[in-house]
All heavy atoms as atom14 arrays in JSON, in Angstrom:
{
  "sequence": "VTDKELKVEVENILANYGSKDVLARLKELYVPGNKYYEELRQRMA",
  "atom14_mask": [
    [1, 1, 1, 1, 1, 1, 1, 0, 0, 0, 0, 0, 0, 0],
    [1, 1, 1, 1, 1, 1, 1, 0, 0, 0, 0, 0, 0, 0],
    [1, 1, 1, 1, 1, 1, 1, 1, 0, 0, 0, 0, 0, 0],
    [1, 1, 1, 1, 1, 1, 1, 1, 1, 0, 0, 0, 0, 0],
    [1, 1, 1, 1, 1, 1, 1, 1, 1, 0, 0, 0, 0, 0],
    [1, 1, 1, 1, 1, 1, 1, 1, 0, 0, 0, 0, 0, 0],
    [1, 1, 1, 1, 1, 1, 1, 1, 1, 0, 0, 0, 0, 0],
    [1, 1, 1, 1, 1, 1, 1, 0, 0, 0, 0, 0, 0, 0],
    [1, 1, 1, 1, 1, 1, 1, 1, 1, 0, 0, 0, 0, 0],
    [1, 1, 1, 1, 1, 1, 1, 0, 0, 0, 0, 0, 0, 0],
    [1, 1, 1, 1, 1, 1, 1, 1, 1, 0, 0, 0, 0, 0],
    [1, 1, 1, 1, 1, 1, 1, 1, 0, 0, 0, 0, 0, 0],
    [1, 1, 1, 1, 1, 1, 1, 1, 0, 0, 0, 0, 0, 0],
    [1, 1, 1, 1, 1, 1, 1, 1, 0, 0, 0, 0, 0, 0],
    [1, 1, 1, 1, 1, 0, 0, 0, 0, 0, 0, 0, 0, 0],
    [1, 1, 1, 1, 1, 1, 1, 1, 0, 0, 0, 0, 0, 0],
    [1, 1, 1, 1, 1, 1, 1, 1, 1, 1, 1, 1, 0, 0],
    [1, 1, 1, 1, 0, 0, 0, 0, 0, 0, 0, 0, 0, 0],
    [1, 1, 1, 1, 1, 1, 0, 0, 0, 0, 0, 0, 0, 0],
    [1, 1, 1, 1, 1, 1, 1, 1, 1, 0, 0, 0, 0, 0],
    [1, 1, 1, 1, 1, 1, 1, 1, 0, 0, 0, 0, 0, 0],
    [1, 1, 1, 1, 1, 1, 1, 0, 0, 0, 0, 0, 0, 0],
    [1, 1, 1, 1, 1, 1, 1, 1, 0, 0, 0, 0, 0, 0],
    [1, 1, 1, 1, 1, 0, 0, 0, 0, 0, 0, 0, 0, 0],
    [1, 1, 1, 1, 1, 1, 1, 1, 1, 1, 1, 0, 0, 0],
    [1, 1, 1, 1, 1, 1, 1, 1, 0, 0, 0, 0, 0, 0],
    [1, 1, 1, 1, 1, 1, 1, 1, 1, 0, 0, 0, 0, 0],
    [1, 1, 1, 1, 1, 1, 1, 1, 1, 0, 0, 0, 0, 0],
    [1, 1, 1, 1, 1, 1, 1, 1, 0, 0, 0, 0, 0, 0],
    [1, 1, 1, 1, 1, 1, 1, 1, 1, 1, 1, 1, 0, 0],
    [1, 1, 1, 1, 1, 1, 1, 0, 0, 0, 0, 0, 0, 0],
    [1, 1, 1, 1, 1, 1, 1, 0, 0, 0, 0, 0, 0, 0],
    [1, 1, 1, 1, 0, 0, 0, 0, 0, 0, 0, 0, 0, 0],
    [1, 1, 1, 1, 1, 1, 1, 1, 0, 0, 0, 0, 0, 0],
    [1, 1, 1, 1, 1, 1, 1, 1, 1, 0, 0, 0, 0, 0],
    [1, 1, 1, 1, 1, 1, 1, 1, 1, 1, 1, 1, 0, 0],
    [1, 1, 1, 1, 1, 1, 1, 1, 1, 1, 1, 1, 0, 0],
    [1, 1, 1, 1, 1, 1, 1, 1, 1, 0, 0, 0, 0, 0],
    [1, 1, 1, 1, 1, 1, 1, 1, 1, 0, 0, 0, 0, 0],
    [1, 1, 1, 1, 1, 1, 1, 1, 0, 0, 0, 0, 0, 0],
    [1, 1, 1, 1, 1, 1, 1, 1, 1, 1, 1, 0, 0, 0],
    [1, 1, 1, 1, 1, 1, 1, 1, 1, 0, 0, 0, 0, 0],
    [1, 1, 1, 1, 1, 1, 1, 1, 1, 1, 1, 0, 0, 0],
    [1, 1, 1, 1, 1, 1, 1, 1, 0, 0, 0, 0, 0, 0],
    [1, 1, 1, 1, 1, 0, 0, 0, 0, 0, 0, 0, 0, 0]
  ],
  "atom14_positions": [
    [[-32.6, 11.05, 114.45], [-33.19, 12.15, 115.22], [-34.5, 11.5, 115.75], [-35.36, 11.05, 115.0], [-33.56, 13.32, 114.3], [-34.34, 14.39, 115.1], [-32.28, 13.96, 113.76], [0.0, 0.0, 0.0], [0.0, 0.0, 0.0], [0.0, 0.0, 0.0], [0.0, 0.0, 0.0], [0.0, 0.0, 0.0], [0.0, 0.0, 0.0], [0.0, 0.0, 0.0]],
    [[-34.69, 11.6, 117.06], [-35.87, 10.99, 117.69], [-37.08, 11.85, 117.49], [-36.98, 13.1, 117.22], [-35.64, 10.79, 119.21], [-35.54, 12.03, 119.83], [-34.42, 9.93, 119.43], [0.0, 0.0, 0.0], [0.0, 0.0, 0.0], [0.0, 0.0, 0.0], [0.0, 0.0, 0.0], [0.0, 0.0, 0.0], [0.0, 0.0, 0.0], [0.0, 0.0, 0.0]],
    [[-38.24, 11.25, 117.67], [-39.52, 12.07, 117.59], [-39.53, 13.13, 118.63], [-40.1, 14.19, 118.46], [-40.76, 11.14, 117.73], [-40.92, 10.25, 116.47], [-40.38, 10.58, 115.4], [-41.56, 9.23, 116.6], [0.0, 0.0, 0.0], [0.0, 0.0, 0.0], [0.0, 0.0, 0.0], [0.0, 0.0, 0.0], [0.0, 0.0, 0.0], [0.0, 0.0, 0.0]],
    [[-38.96, 12.83, 119.78], [-39.01, 13.78, 120.86], [-38.1, 15.04, 120.5], [-38.53, 16.19, 120.71], [-38.45, 13.17, 122.18], [-38.48, 14.06, 123.4], [-37.93, 13.3, 124.65], [-37.98, 14.21, 125.81], [-37.41, 13.59, 127.02], [0.0, 0.0, 0.0], [0.0, 0.0, 0.0], [0.0, 0.0, 0.0], [0.0, 0.0, 0.0], [0.0, 0.0, 0.0]],
    [[-36.99, 14.77, 119.88], [-36.14, 15.9, 119.43], [-36.85, 16.69, 118.4], [-36.78, 17.96, 118.4], [-34.78, 15.35, 118.88], [-33.89, 14.78, 119.95], [-32.74, 14.1, 119.37], [-32.81, 13.34, 118.32], [-31.62, 14.21, 119.97], [0.0, 0.0, 0.0], [0.0, 0.0, 0.0], [0.0, 0.0, 0.0], [0.0, 0.0, 0.0], [0.0, 0.0, 0.0]],
    [[-37.51, 16.04, 117.47], [-38.29, 16.7, 116.43], [-39.35, 17.55, 117.0], [-39.61, 18.69, 116.59], [-38.91, 15.67, 115.47], [-38.13, 15.5, 114.17], [-38.59, 14.25, 113.47], [-38.23, 16.69, 113.23], [0.0, 0.0, 0.0], [0.0, 0.0, 0.0], [0.0, 0.0, 0.0], [0.0, 0.0, 0.0], [0.0, 0.0, 0.0], [0.0, 0.0, 0.0]],
    [[-40.09, 17.05, 117.98], [-41.17, 17.83, 118.6], [-40.69, 19.08, 119.19], [-41.28, 20.13, 119.06], [-41.85, 16.89, 119.72], [-43.08, 17.52, 120.32], [-43.68, 16.63, 121.36], [-44.89, 17.32, 122.04], [-45.45, 16.49, 123.13], [0.0, 0.0, 0.0], [0.0, 0.0, 0.0], [0.0, 0.0, 0.0], [0.0, 0.0, 0.0], [0.0, 0.0, 0.0]],
    [[-39.57, 19.04, 119.9], [-38.93, 20.17, 120.46], [-38.59, 21.2, 119.44], [-38.78, 22.41, 119.61], [-37.72, 19.86, 121.28], [-36.94, 21.03, 121.79], [-38.07, 18.98, 122.55], [0.0, 0.0, 0.0], [0.0, 0.0, 0.0], [0.0, 0.0, 0.0], [0.0, 0.0, 0.0], [0.0, 0.0, 0.0], [0.0, 0.0, 0.0], [0.0, 0.0, 0.0]],
    [[-38.0, 20.67, 118.28], [-37.63, 21.6, 117.23], [-38.75, 22.31, 116.61], [-38.75, 23.49, 116.32], [-36.78, 20.82, 116.17], [-36.32, 21.66, 115.07], [-35.17, 22.6, 115.41], [-34.68, 22.54, 116.52], [-34.78, 23.49, 114.65], [0.0, 0.0, 0.0], [0.0, 0.0, 0.0], [0.0, 0.0, 0.0], [0.0, 0.0, 0.0], [0.0, 0.0, 0.0]],
    [[-39.85, 21.54, 116.4], [-41.12, 22.11, 115.87], [-41.64, 23.13, 116.78], [-42.07, 24.28, 116.33], [-42.16, 21.01, 115.59], [-43.51, 21.66, 115.21], [-41.69, 20.06, 114.43], [0.0, 0.0, 0.0], [0.0, 0.0, 0.0], [0.0, 0.0, 0.0], [0.0, 0.0, 0.0], [0.0, 0.0, 0.0], [0.0, 0.0, 0.0], [0.0, 0.0, 0.0]],
    [[-41.64, 22.93, 118.07], [-42.09, 23.92, 119.03], [-41.28, 25.16, 119.05], [-41.83, 26.33, 119.14], [-42.08, 23.33, 120.49], [-43.2, 22.27, 120.75], [-43.06, 21.51, 122.0], [-42.03, 21.74, 122.7], [-43.93, 20.67, 122.33], [0.0, 0.0, 0.0], [0.0, 0.0, 0.0], [0.0, 0.0, 0.0], [0.0, 0.0, 0.0], [0.0, 0.0, 0.0]],
    [[-39.92, 25.04, 118.86], [-39.06, 26.15, 118.73], [-39.39, 26.98, 117.45], [-39.37, 28.25, 117.48], [-37.57, 25.71, 118.73], [-37.12, 25.2, 120.03], [-37.71, 25.56, 121.09], [-36.12, 24.37, 120.02], [0.0, 0.0, 0.0], [0.0, 0.0, 0.0], [0.0, 0.0, 0.0], [0.0, 0.0, 0.0], [0.0, 0.0, 0.0], [0.0, 0.0, 0.0]],
    [[-39.66, 26.32, 116.37], [-40.01, 27.0, 115.11], [-41.36, 27.78, 115.31], [-41.43, 28.98, 114.92], [-40.16, 26.0, 113.98], [-38.72, 25.39, 113.62], [-40.76, 26.65, 112.75], [-38.86, 24.24, 112.67], [0.0, 0.0, 0.0], [0.0, 0.0, 0.0], [0.0, 0.0, 0.0], [0.0, 0.0, 0.0], [0.0, 0.0, 0.0], [0.0, 0.0, 0.0]],
    [[-42.34, 27.14, 115.9], [-43.62, 27.79, 116.08], [-43.58, 28.96, 117.02], [-44.31, 29.94, 116.89], [-44.63, 26.75, 116.57], [-44.97, 25.56, 115.66], [-46.01, 24.63, 116.37], [-45.55, 26.03, 114.36], [0.0, 0.0, 0.0], [0.0, 0.0, 0.0], [0.0, 0.0, 0.0], [0.0, 0.0, 0.0], [0.0, 0.0, 0.0], [0.0, 0.0, 0.0]],
    [[-42.63, 28.93, 118.0], [-42.48, 29.96, 118.95], [-42.08, 31.3, 118.29], [-42.2, 32.44, 118.92], [-41.51, 29.63, 120.04], [0.0, 0.0, 0.0], [0.0, 0.0, 0.0], [0.0, 0.0, 0.0], [0.0, 0.0, 0.0], [0.0, 0.0, 0.0], [0.0, 0.0, 0.0], [0.0, 0.0, 0.0], [0.0, 0.0, 0.0], [0.0, 0.0, 0.0]],
    [[-41.54, 31.24, 117.08], [-41.06, 32.48, 116.39], [-42.18, 33.25, 115.71], [-41.95, 34.33, 115.18], [-40.01, 32.15, 115.39], [-38.73, 31.58, 116.05], [-38.32, 32.17, 117.08], [-38.11, 30.62, 115.48], [0.0, 0.0, 0.0], [0.0, 0.0, 0.0], [0.0, 0.0, 0.0], [0.0, 0.0, 0.0], [0.0, 0.0, 0.0], [0.0, 0.0, 0.0]],
    [[-43.42, 32.65, 115.7], [-44.49, 33.3, 114.96], [-45.65, 33.64, 115.9], [-46.02, 32.84, 116.75], [-45.04, 32.3, 113.85], [-43.91, 32.05, 112.86], [-43.1, 30.93, 112.95], [-43.81, 32.86, 111.74], [-42.15, 30.66, 112.09], [-42.77, 32.56, 110.78], [-41.98, 31.48, 110.99], [-41.03, 31.22, 110.05], [0.0, 0.0, 0.0], [0.0, 0.0, 0.0]],
    [[-46.22, 34.88, 115.69], [-47.32, 35.29, 116.63], [-48.63, 35.29, 115.93], [-49.72, 35.24, 116.52], [0.0, 0.0, 0.0], [0.0, 0.0, 0.0], [0.0, 0.0, 0.0], [0.0, 0.0, 0.0], [0.0, 0.0, 0.0], [0.0, 0.0, 0.0], [0.0, 0.0, 0.0], [0.0, 0.0, 0.0], [0.0, 0.0, 0.0], [0.0, 0.0, 0.0]],
    [[-48.61, 35.27, 114.59], [-49.88, 35.23, 113.83], [-50.54, 33.86, 113.95], [-49.96, 32.83, 113.7], [-49.59, 35.48, 112.29], [-50.73, 35.24, 111.57], [0.0, 0.0, 0.0], [0.0, 0.0, 0.0], [0.0, 0.0, 0.0], [0.0, 0.0, 0.0], [0.0, 0.0, 0.0], [0.0, 0.0, 0.0], [0.0, 0.0, 0.0], [0.0, 0.0, 0.0]],
    [[-51.85, 33.89, 114.28], [-52.56, 32.65, 114.43], [-52.79, 31.93, 113.08], [-52.66, 30.72, 113.06], [-53.98, 32.93, 115.04], [-53.94, 33.45, 116.48], [-55.33, 33.66, 117.04], [-55.3, 34.1, 118.52], [-56.66, 34.34, 119.07], [0.0, 0.0, 0.0], [0.0, 0.0, 0.0], [0.0, 0.0, 0.0], [0.0, 0.0, 0.0], [0.0, 0.0, 0.0]],
    [[-52.87, 32.68, 112.05], [-53.04, 32.08, 110.73], [-51.77, 31.37, 110.27], [-51.79, 30.27, 109.81], [-53.48, 33.16, 109.64], [-54.82, 33.69, 109.86], [-55.64, 32.99, 110.5], [-55.11, 34.83, 109.42], [0.0, 0.0, 0.0], [0.0, 0.0, 0.0], [0.0, 0.0, 0.0], [0.0, 0.0, 0.0], [0.0, 0.0, 0.0], [0.0, 0.0, 0.0]],
    [[-50.65, 32.03, 110.49], [-49.37, 31.45, 110.13], [-49.15, 30.2, 110.97], [-48.73, 29.13, 110.53], [-48.2, 32.43, 110.39], [-46.87, 31.8, 110.18], [-48.43, 33.63, 109.43], [0.0, 0.0, 0.0], [0.0, 0.0, 0.0], [0.0, 0.0, 0.0], [0.0, 0.0, 0.0], [0.0, 0.0, 0.0], [0.0, 0.0, 0.0], [0.0, 0.0, 0.0]],
    [[-49.47, 30.27, 112.34], [-49.21, 29.14, 113.16], [-50.09, 27.93, 112.76], [-49.63, 26.76, 112.78], [-49.54, 29.49, 114.65], [-48.53, 30.33, 115.36], [-49.12, 30.84, 116.68], [-47.31, 29.49, 115.68], [0.0, 0.0, 0.0], [0.0, 0.0, 0.0], [0.0, 0.0, 0.0], [0.0, 0.0, 0.0], [0.0, 0.0, 0.0], [0.0, 0.0, 0.0]],
    [[-51.3, 28.22, 112.36], [-52.2, 27.15, 111.91], [-51.7, 26.48, 110.7], [-51.71, 25.2, 110.56], [-53.61, 27.71, 111.6], [0.0, 0.0, 0.0], [0.0, 0.0, 0.0], [0.0, 0.0, 0.0], [0.0, 0.0, 0.0], [0.0, 0.0, 0.0], [0.0, 0.0, 0.0], [0.0, 0.0, 0.0], [0.0, 0.0, 0.0], [0.0, 0.0, 0.0]],
    [[-51.15, 27.25, 109.74], [-50.56, 26.68, 108.51], [-49.32, 25.82, 108.81], [-49.13, 24.75, 108.21], [-50.28, 27.79, 107.46], [-51.51, 28.41, 106.84], [-51.14, 29.08, 105.58], [-50.22, 30.27, 105.84], [-50.7, 31.5, 106.15], [-52.01, 31.77, 106.24], [-49.8, 32.48, 106.32], [0.0, 0.0, 0.0], [0.0, 0.0, 0.0], [0.0, 0.0, 0.0]],
    [[-48.51, 26.37, 109.72], [-47.26, 25.56, 110.02], [-47.56, 24.32, 110.74], [-46.86, 23.3, 110.52], [-46.34, 26.55, 110.9], [-45.64, 27.67, 110.19], [-44.91, 28.58, 111.25], [-44.69, 27.17, 109.15], [0.0, 0.0, 0.0], [0.0, 0.0, 0.0], [0.0, 0.0, 0.0], [0.0, 0.0, 0.0], [0.0, 0.0, 0.0], [0.0, 0.0, 0.0]],
    [[-48.57, 24.32, 111.66], [-48.97, 23.09, 112.37], [-49.42, 22.03, 111.36], [-49.2, 20.81, 111.61], [-50.04, 23.42, 113.38], [-49.48, 24.13, 114.64], [-50.63, 24.47, 115.58], [-50.05, 25.24, 116.87], [-51.1, 25.58, 117.76], [0.0, 0.0, 0.0], [0.0, 0.0, 0.0], [0.0, 0.0, 0.0], [0.0, 0.0, 0.0], [0.0, 0.0, 0.0]],
    [[-50.07, 22.5, 110.27], [-50.49, 21.48, 109.24], [-49.28, 20.94, 108.51], [-49.32, 19.72, 108.08], [-51.47, 22.18, 108.26], [-52.81, 22.5, 108.9], [-53.71, 23.26, 107.86], [-53.3, 23.42, 106.73], [-54.86, 23.63, 108.31], [0.0, 0.0, 0.0], [0.0, 0.0, 0.0], [0.0, 0.0, 0.0], [0.0, 0.0, 0.0], [0.0, 0.0, 0.0]],
    [[-48.23, 21.74, 108.39], [-47.05, 21.27, 107.64], [-46.22, 20.25, 108.41], [-45.81, 19.25, 107.9], [-46.19, 22.47, 107.18], [-46.7, 23.43, 106.17], [-45.77, 24.52, 105.97], [-47.01, 22.71, 104.83], [0.0, 0.0, 0.0], [0.0, 0.0, 0.0], [0.0, 0.0, 0.0], [0.0, 0.0, 0.0], [0.0, 0.0, 0.0], [0.0, 0.0, 0.0]],
    [[-46.08, 20.63, 109.7], [-45.14, 19.74, 110.51], [-45.9, 18.7, 111.27], [-46.08, 18.71, 112.49], [-44.32, 20.66, 111.48], [-43.32, 21.55, 110.8], [-43.5, 22.9, 110.81], [-42.23, 20.99, 110.14], [-42.63, 23.76, 110.13], [-41.37, 21.76, 109.49], [-41.49, 23.18, 109.46], [-40.62, 24.02, 108.86], [0.0, 0.0, 0.0], [0.0, 0.0, 0.0]],
    [[-46.36, 17.74, 110.47], [-47.09, 16.54, 111.03], [-46.27, 15.35, 110.69], [-45.77, 15.19, 109.64], [-48.5, 16.47, 110.29], [-49.22, 15.19, 110.82], [-49.33, 17.68, 110.67], [0.0, 0.0, 0.0], [0.0, 0.0, 0.0], [0.0, 0.0, 0.0], [0.0, 0.0, 0.0], [0.0, 0.0, 0.0], [0.0, 0.0, 0.0], [0.0, 0.0, 0.0]],
    [[-46.12, 14.4, 111.66], [-45.32, 13.16, 111.43], [-45.76, 12.5, 110.16], [-46.91, 12.29, 109.9], [-45.68, 12.34, 112.74], [-45.94, 13.39, 113.74], [-46.67, 14.49, 113.11], [0.0, 0.0, 0.0], [0.0, 0.0, 0.0], [0.0, 0.0, 0.0], [0.0, 0.0, 0.0], [0.0, 0.0, 0.0], [0.0, 0.0, 0.0], [0.0, 0.0, 0.0]],
    [[-44.71, 12.13, 109.4], [-44.94, 11.5, 108.11], [-45.1, 12.47, 106.93], [-44.93, 12.06, 105.81], [0.0, 0.0, 0.0], [0.0, 0.0, 0.0], [0.0, 0.0, 0.0], [0.0, 0.0, 0.0], [0.0, 0.0, 0.0], [0.0, 0.0, 0.0], [0.0, 0.0, 0.0], [0.0, 0.0, 0.0], [0.0, 0.0, 0.0], [0.0, 0.0, 0.0]],
    [[-45.39, 13.68, 107.24], [-45.48, 14.73, 106.22], [-44.16, 15.0, 105.61], [-43.09, 14.92, 106.2], [-46.11, 16.04, 106.88], [-46.41, 17.1, 105.84], [-45.5, 17.71, 105.32], [-47.66, 17.36, 105.59], [0.0, 0.0, 0.0], [0.0, 0.0, 0.0], [0.0, 0.0, 0.0], [0.0, 0.0, 0.0], [0.0, 0.0, 0.0], [0.0, 0.0, 0.0]],
    [[-44.14, 15.48, 104.38], [-42.97, 15.74, 103.63], [-42.07, 16.8, 104.35], [-40.86, 16.58, 104.56], [-43.27, 16.33, 102.21], [-42.15, 16.93, 101.5], [-42.64, 17.65, 100.26], [-41.55, 18.47, 99.6], [-42.01, 19.23, 98.44], [0.0, 0.0, 0.0], [0.0, 0.0, 0.0], [0.0, 0.0, 0.0], [0.0, 0.0, 0.0], [0.0, 0.0, 0.0]],
    [[-42.71, 17.84, 104.89], [-41.96, 18.91, 105.58], [-41.35, 18.41, 106.88], [-40.26, 18.75, 107.3], [-42.78, 20.2, 105.82], [-43.29, 20.78, 104.5], [-44.5, 20.39, 103.98], [-42.48, 21.72, 103.86], [-44.92, 21.0, 102.71], [-42.84, 22.24, 102.64], [-44.05, 21.91, 102.14], [-44.47, 22.57, 100.95], [0.0, 0.0, 0.0], [0.0, 0.0, 0.0]],
    [[-42.16, 17.6, 107.59], [-41.71, 16.98, 108.81], [-40.42, 16.12, 108.66], [-39.5, 16.23, 109.39], [-42.81, 16.11, 109.36], [-42.61, 15.62, 110.83], [-42.96, 16.45, 111.88], [-42.24, 14.32, 111.01], [-42.75, 15.95, 113.15], [-42.07, 13.85, 112.28], [-42.34, 14.66, 113.39], [-42.16, 14.19, 114.69], [0.0, 0.0, 0.0], [0.0, 0.0, 0.0]],
    [[-40.45, 15.3, 107.56], [-39.39, 14.41, 107.28], [-38.13, 15.17, 106.81], [-37.01, 14.77, 107.08], [-39.77, 13.32, 106.29], [-40.81, 12.36, 106.85], [-40.47, 11.82, 108.2], [-39.24, 11.4, 108.4], [-41.3, 11.68, 109.09], [0.0, 0.0, 0.0], [0.0, 0.0, 0.0], [0.0, 0.0, 0.0], [0.0, 0.0, 0.0], [0.0, 0.0, 0.0]],
    [[-38.36, 16.25, 106.06], [-37.25, 17.09, 105.59], [-36.57, 17.76, 106.86], [-35.41, 17.94, 106.83], [-37.72, 18.17, 104.61], [-38.08, 17.63, 103.21], [-38.54, 18.72, 102.25], [-38.9, 19.85, 102.74], [-38.69, 18.4, 101.13], [0.0, 0.0, 0.0], [0.0, 0.0, 0.0], [0.0, 0.0, 0.0], [0.0, 0.0, 0.0], [0.0, 0.0, 0.0]],
    [[-37.43, 18.18, 107.8], [-36.87, 18.79, 108.97], [-36.03, 17.75, 109.75], [-34.97, 18.01, 110.31], [-38.01, 19.26, 109.92], [-37.63, 19.86, 111.24], [-36.73, 21.1, 111.02], [-38.81, 20.25, 112.08], [0.0, 0.0, 0.0], [0.0, 0.0, 0.0], [0.0, 0.0, 0.0], [0.0, 0.0, 0.0], [0.0, 0.0, 0.0], [0.0, 0.0, 0.0]],
    [[-36.52, 16.45, 109.82], [-35.77, 15.39, 110.43], [-34.41, 15.25, 109.8], [-33.36, 15.1, 110.44], [-36.54, 14.04, 110.34], [-35.9, 12.97, 111.16], [-36.55, 11.64, 110.77], [-37.93, 11.45, 111.17], [-38.38, 11.14, 112.32], [-37.56, 10.85, 113.29], [-39.67, 11.05, 112.55], [0.0, 0.0, 0.0], [0.0, 0.0, 0.0], [0.0, 0.0, 0.0]],
    [[-34.37, 15.31, 108.39], [-33.16, 15.14, 107.68], [-32.2, 16.32, 108.02], [-30.96, 16.03, 108.17], [-33.41, 15.03, 106.23], [-32.2, 14.67, 105.39], [-32.57, 14.55, 103.92], [-33.11, 15.43, 103.28], [-32.07, 13.45, 103.28], [0.0, 0.0, 0.0], [0.0, 0.0, 0.0], [0.0, 0.0, 0.0], [0.0, 0.0, 0.0], [0.0, 0.0, 0.0]],
    [[-32.7, 17.54, 108.02], [-31.82, 18.71, 108.29], [-31.24, 18.57, 109.71], [-30.07, 18.86, 109.97], [-32.59, 20.02, 108.19], [-33.0, 20.35, 106.78], [-33.3, 21.82, 106.59], [-34.42, 22.17, 107.46], [-35.75, 22.08, 107.1], [-36.06, 21.64, 105.9], [-36.69, 22.48, 107.89], [0.0, 0.0, 0.0], [0.0, 0.0, 0.0], [0.0, 0.0, 0.0]],
    [[-32.05, 18.12, 110.65], [-31.58, 17.97, 112.03], [-30.52, 16.87, 112.12], [-29.61, 16.99, 112.9], [-32.76, 17.68, 112.97], [-33.71, 18.81, 113.2], [-35.12, 18.41, 114.24], [-34.22, 18.09, 115.8], [0.0, 0.0, 0.0], [0.0, 0.0, 0.0], [0.0, 0.0, 0.0], [0.0, 0.0, 0.0], [0.0, 0.0, 0.0], [0.0, 0.0, 0.0]],
    [[-30.69, 15.78, 111.31], [-29.65, 14.74, 111.31], [-28.36, 15.24, 110.81], [-27.3, 14.9, 111.35], [-30.22, 13.54, 110.46], [0.0, 0.0, 0.0], [0.0, 0.0, 0.0], [0.0, 0.0, 0.0], [0.0, 0.0, 0.0], [0.0, 0.0, 0.0], [0.0, 0.0, 0.0], [0.0, 0.0, 0.0], [0.0, 0.0, 0.0], [0.0, 0.0, 0.0]]
  ]
}
């Protein structure tokens, strides 16, 4: 799974949330190299 594909998937996930607080927390989770980011990569694979 390329970084470009991951970026699109993260953007799709964030688009489902309207709360600024929730969005801020999610943006902190989905950072390249982060555990959640790599788990998302694995699920996409």
